[in-house]
Amino acid sequence: VESGGGLVQPGGSLRLSCVASGGI
């Protein structure tokens, strides 16, 4: 499951996250 996307101006920053469930 990913999160953290959005609208940002050029030169800006974002941090995406991805949480995993199941497996090792």
PDB file of all heavy atoms in Angstrom:
ATOM      1  N   VAL A   1       0.854  -1.184   0.000  1.00  0.00           N
ATOM      2  CA  VAL A   1       0.000   0.000   0.000  1.00  0.00           C
ATOM      3  C   VAL A   1       0.890   1.234   0.000  1.00  0.00           C
ATOM      4  O   VAL A   1       1.648   1.467   0.954  1.00  0.00           O
ATOM      5  CB  VAL A   1      -0.942   0.022   1.205  1.00  0.00           C
ATOM      6  CG1 VAL A   1      -1.787   1.299   1.187  1.00  0.00           C
ATOM      7  CG2 VAL A   1      -1.840  -1.209   1.219  1.00  0.00           C
ATOM      8  N   GLU A   2       0.761   2.028  -1.068  1.00  0.00           N
ATOM      9  CA  GLU A   2       1.546   3.249  -1.195  1.00  0.00           C
ATOM     10  C   GLU A   2       0.764   4.445  -0.648  1.00  0.00           C
ATOM     11  O   GLU A   2      -0.463   4.445  -0.645  1.00  0.00           O
ATOM     12  CB  GLU A   2       1.896   3.537  -2.659  1.00  0.00           C
ATOM     13  CG  GLU A   2       2.649   2.456  -3.386  1.00  0.00           C
ATOM     14  CD  GLU A   2       1.753   1.597  -4.243  1.00  0.00           C
ATOM     15  OE1 GLU A   2       0.562   1.462  -3.907  1.00  0.00           O
ATOM     16  OE2 GLU A   2       2.251   1.058  -5.261  1.00  0.00           O
ATOM     17  N   SER A   3       1.515   5.460  -0.244  1.00  0.00           N
ATOM     18  CA  SER A   3       0.920   6.729   0.175  1.00  0.00           C
ATOM     19  C   SER A   3       1.950   7.828  -0.004  1.00  0.00           C
ATOM     20  O   SER A   3       3.139   7.550  -0.226  1.00  0.00           O
ATOM     21  CB  SER A   3       0.456   6.664   1.630  1.00  0.00           C
ATOM     22  OG  SER A   3       1.555   6.440   2.498  1.00  0.00           O
ATOM     23  N   GLY A   4       1.479   9.076   0.088  1.00  0.00           N
ATOM     24  CA  GLY A   4       2.393  10.207   0.067  1.00  0.00           C
ATOM     25  C   GLY A   4       2.398  11.009  -1.213  1.00  0.00           C
ATOM     26  O   GLY A   4       3.077  12.039  -1.288  1.00  0.00           O
ATOM     27  N   GLY A   5       1.669  10.562  -2.227  1.00  0.00           N
ATOM     28  CA  GLY A   5       1.622  11.322  -3.459  1.00  0.00           C
ATOM     29  C   GLY A   5       0.817  12.601  -3.296  1.00  0.00           C
ATOM     30  O   GLY A   5       0.195  12.847  -2.264  1.00  0.00           O
ATOM     31  N   GLY A   6       0.857  13.429  -4.337  1.00  0.00           N
ATOM     32  CA  GLY A   6       0.095  14.672  -4.300  1.00  0.00           C
ATOM     33  C   GLY A   6       0.572  15.637  -5.345  1.00  0.00           C
ATOM     34  O   GLY A   6       1.337  15.288  -6.247  1.00  0.00           O
ATOM     35  N   LEU A   7       0.099  16.872  -5.215  1.00  0.00           N
ATOM     36  CA  LEU A   7       0.467  17.950  -6.126  1.00  0.00           C
ATOM     37  C   LEU A   7       1.553  18.791  -5.470  1.00  0.00           C
ATOM     38  O   LEU A   7       1.412  19.212  -4.313  1.00  0.00           O
ATOM     39  CB  LEU A   7      -0.759  18.821  -6.421  1.00  0.00           C
ATOM     40  CG  LEU A   7      -0.533  20.091  -7.224  1.00  0.00           C
ATOM     41  CD1 LEU A   7      -0.029  19.762  -8.618  1.00  0.00           C
ATOM     42  CD2 LEU A   7      -1.823  20.914  -7.288  1.00  0.00           C
ATOM     43  N   VAL A   8       2.624  19.049  -6.199  1.00  0.00           N
ATOM     44  CA  VAL A   8       3.736  19.836  -5.664  1.00  0.00           C
ATOM     45  C   VAL A   8       4.272  20.734  -6.767  1.00  0.00           C
ATOM     46  O   VAL A   8       4.207  20.390  -7.955  1.00  0.00           O
ATOM     47  CB  VAL A   8       4.832  18.901  -5.106  1.00  0.00           C
ATOM     48  CG1 VAL A   8       5.431  18.041  -6.192  1.00  0.00           C
ATOM     49  CG2 VAL A   8       5.904  19.681  -4.364  1.00  0.00           C
ATOM     50  N   GLN A   9       4.779  21.880  -6.390  1.00  0.00           N
ATOM     51  CA  GLN A   9       5.352  22.803  -7.360  1.00  0.00           C
ATOM     52  C   GLN A   9       6.749  22.328  -7.781  1.00  0.00           C
ATOM     53  O   GLN A   9       7.426  21.630  -7.022  1.00  0.00           O
ATOM     54  CB  GLN A   9       5.441  24.204  -6.764  1.00  0.00           C
ATOM     55  CG  GLN A   9       4.097  24.850  -6.532  1.00  0.00           C
ATOM     56  CD  GLN A   9       4.232  26.298  -6.096  1.00  0.00           C
ATOM     57  OE1 GLN A   9       5.302  26.742  -5.667  1.00  0.00           O
ATOM     58  NE2 GLN A   9       3.157  27.047  -6.200  1.00  0.00           N
ATOM     59  N   PRO A  10       7.181  22.719  -8.971  1.00  0.00           N
ATOM     60  CA  PRO A  10       8.553  22.396  -9.377  1.00  0.00           C
ATOM     61  C   PRO A  10       9.557  22.879  -8.345  1.00  0.00           C
ATOM     62  O   PRO A  10       9.416  23.981  -7.796  1.00  0.00           O
ATOM     63  CB  PRO A  10       8.705  23.154 -10.707  1.00  0.00           C
ATOM     64  CG  PRO A  10       7.323  23.232 -11.249  1.00  0.00           C
ATOM     65  CD  PRO A  10       6.434  23.407 -10.043  1.00  0.00           C
ATOM     66  N   GLY A  11      10.550  22.023  -8.077  1.00  0.00           N
ATOM     67  CA  GLY A  11      11.533  22.318  -7.050  1.00  0.00           C
ATOM     68  C   GLY A  11      11.154  21.833  -5.667  1.00  0.00           C
ATOM     69  O   GLY A  11      11.986  21.854  -4.748  1.00  0.00           O
ATOM     70  N   GLY A  12       9.933  21.386  -5.513  1.00  0.00           N
ATOM     71  CA  GLY A  12       9.456  20.923  -4.218  1.00  0.00           C
ATOM     72  C   GLY A  12       9.859  19.487  -3.920  1.00  0.00           C
ATOM     73  O   GLY A  12      10.574  18.842  -4.696  1.00  0.00           O
ATOM     74  N   SER A  13       9.371  18.997  -2.767  1.00  0.00           N
ATOM     75  CA  SER A  13       9.725  17.656  -2.296  1.00  0.00           C
ATOM     76  C   SER A  13       8.473  16.895  -1.885  1.00  0.00           C
ATOM     77  O   SER A  13       7.472  17.490  -1.466  1.00  0.00           O
ATOM     78  CB  SER A  13      10.667  17.751  -1.092  1.00  0.00           C
ATOM     79  OG  SER A  13      11.880  18.375  -1.438  1.00  0.00           O
ATOM     80  N   LEU A  14       8.580  15.581  -1.995  1.00  0.00           N
ATOM     81  CA  LEU A  14       7.562  14.667  -1.480  1.00  0.00           C
ATOM     82  C   LEU A  14       8.268  13.421  -0.964  1.00  0.00           C
ATOM     83  O   LEU A  14       9.350  13.067  -1.463  1.00  0.00           O
ATOM     84  CB  LEU A  14       6.567  14.245  -2.571  1.00  0.00           C
ATOM     85  CG  LEU A  14       5.468  15.198  -3.001  1.00  0.00           C
ATOM     86  CD1 LEU A  14       4.701  14.617  -4.173  1.00  0.00           C
ATOM     87  CD2 LEU A  14       4.521  15.517  -1.851  1.00  0.00           C
ATOM     88  N   ARG A  15       7.647  12.755  -0.006  1.00  0.00           N
ATOM     89  CA  ARG A  15       8.150  11.456   0.431  1.00  0.00           C
ATOM     90  C   ARG A  15       7.046  10.426   0.270  1.00  0.00           C
ATOM     91  O   ARG A  15       5.974  10.559   0.863  1.00  0.00           O
ATOM     92  CB  ARG A  15       8.636  11.476   1.879  1.00  0.00           C
ATOM     93  CG  ARG A  15       9.336  10.174   2.257  1.00  0.00           C
ATOM     94  CD  ARG A  15       9.936  10.174   3.641  1.00  0.00           C
ATOM     95  NE  ARG A  15       8.964   9.885   4.676  1.00  0.00           N
ATOM     96  CZ  ARG A  15       9.261   9.340   5.856  1.00  0.00           C
ATOM     97  NH1 ARG A  15      10.525   9.027   6.131  1.00  0.00           N
ATOM     98  NH2 ARG A  15       8.316   9.140   6.753  1.00  0.00           N
ATOM     99  N   LEU A  16       7.323   9.428  -0.538  1.00  0.00           N
ATOM    100  CA  LEU A  16       6.393   8.322  -0.718  1.00  0.00           C
ATOM    101  C   LEU A  16       6.723   7.211   0.269  1.00  0.00           C
ATOM    102  O   LEU A  16       7.889   6.983   0.592  1.00  0.00           O
ATOM    103  CB  LEU A  16       6.473   7.779  -2.141  1.00  0.00           C
ATOM    104  CG  LEU A  16       6.293   8.778  -3.278  1.00  0.00           C
ATOM    105  CD1 LEU A  16       6.314   8.045  -4.617  1.00  0.00           C
ATOM    106  CD2 LEU A  16       5.025   9.584  -3.114  1.00  0.00           C
ATOM    107  N   SER A  17       5.679   6.538   0.720  1.00  0.00           N
ATOM    108  CA  SER A  17       5.837   5.393   1.608  1.00  0.00           C
ATOM    109  C   SER A  17       5.103   4.201   1.019  1.00  0.00           C
ATOM    110  O   SER A  17       4.080   4.350   0.344  1.00  0.00           O
ATOM    111  CB  SER A  17       5.262   5.693   2.992  1.00  0.00           C
ATOM    112  OG  SER A  17       5.909   6.781   3.602  1.00  0.00           O
ATOM    113  N   CYS A  18       5.604   3.023   1.307  1.00  0.00           N
ATOM    114  CA  CYS A  18       4.962   1.780   0.875  1.00  0.00           C
ATOM    115  C   CYS A  18       5.069   0.788   2.022  1.00  0.00           C
ATOM    116  O   CYS A  18       6.184   0.413   2.412  1.00  0.00           O
ATOM    117  CB  CYS A  18       5.624   1.231  -0.373  1.00  0.00           C
ATOM    118  SG  CYS A  18       5.087  -0.425  -0.845  1.00  0.00           S
ATOM    119  N   VAL A  19       3.924   0.395   2.541  1.00  0.00           N
ATOM    120  CA  VAL A  19       3.875  -0.553   3.646  1.00  0.00           C
ATOM    121  C   VAL A  19       3.519  -1.929   3.102  1.00  0.00           C
ATOM    122  O   VAL A  19       2.546  -2.074   2.350  1.00  0.00           O
ATOM    123  CB  VAL A  19       2.856  -0.129   4.713  1.00  0.00           C
ATOM    124  CG1 VAL A  19       2.814  -1.149   5.838  1.00  0.00           C
ATOM    125  CG2 VAL A  19       3.201   1.248   5.255  1.00  0.00           C
ATOM    126  N   ALA A  20       4.300  -2.918   3.496  1.00  0.00           N
ATOM    127  CA  ALA A  20       4.075  -4.297   3.052  1.00  0.00           C
ATOM    128  C   ALA A  20       3.473  -5.130   4.168  1.00  0.00           C
ATOM    129  O   ALA A  20       3.829  -4.967   5.337  1.00  0.00           O
ATOM    130  CB  ALA A  20       5.394  -4.920   2.604  1.00  0.00           C
ATOM    131  N   SER A  21       2.567  -6.018   3.795  1.00  0.00           N
ATOM    132  CA  SER A  21       2.026  -6.980   4.747  1.00  0.00           C
ATOM    133  C   SER A  21       2.079  -8.364   4.108  1.00  0.00           C
ATOM    134  O   SER A  21       1.843  -8.514   2.909  1.00  0.00           O
ATOM    135  CB  SER A  21       0.589  -6.632   5.131  1.00  0.00           C
ATOM    136  OG  SER A  21      -0.234  -6.584   3.987  1.00  0.00           O
ATOM    137  N   GLY A  22       2.427  -9.362   4.935  1.00  0.00           N
ATOM    138  CA  GLY A  22       2.587 -10.716   4.410  1.00  0.00           C
ATOM    139  C   GLY A  22       4.021 -10.942   3.979  1.00  0.00           C
ATOM    140  O   GLY A  22       4.685 -10.024   3.520  1.00  0.00           O
ATOM    141  N   GLY A  23       4.490 -12.134   4.099  1.00  0.00           N
ATOM    142  CA  GLY A  23       5.842 -12.443   3.696  1.00  0.00           C
ATOM    143  C   GLY A  23       6.884 -11.937   4.676  1.00  0.00           C
ATOM    144  O   GLY A  23       6.563 -11.400   5.745  1.00  0.00           O
ATOM    145  N   ILE A  24       8.128 -12.099   4.320  1.00  0.00           N
ATOM    146  CA  ILE A  24       9.246 -11.654   5.147  1.00  0.00           C
ATOM    147  C   ILE A  24       9.873 -10.463   4.449  1.00  0.00           C
ATOM    148  O   ILE A  24      10.618 -10.604   3.471  1.00  0.00           O
ATOM    149  CB  ILE A  24      10.267 -12.788   5.352  1.00  0.00           C
ATOM    150  CG1 ILE A  24       9.578 -14.000   5.994  1.00  0.00           C
ATOM    151  CG2 ILE A  24      11.418 -12.290   6.230  1.00  0.00           C
ATOM    152  CD1 ILE A  24      10.452 -15.210   6.107  1.00  0.00           C
TER     153      ILE A  24
END
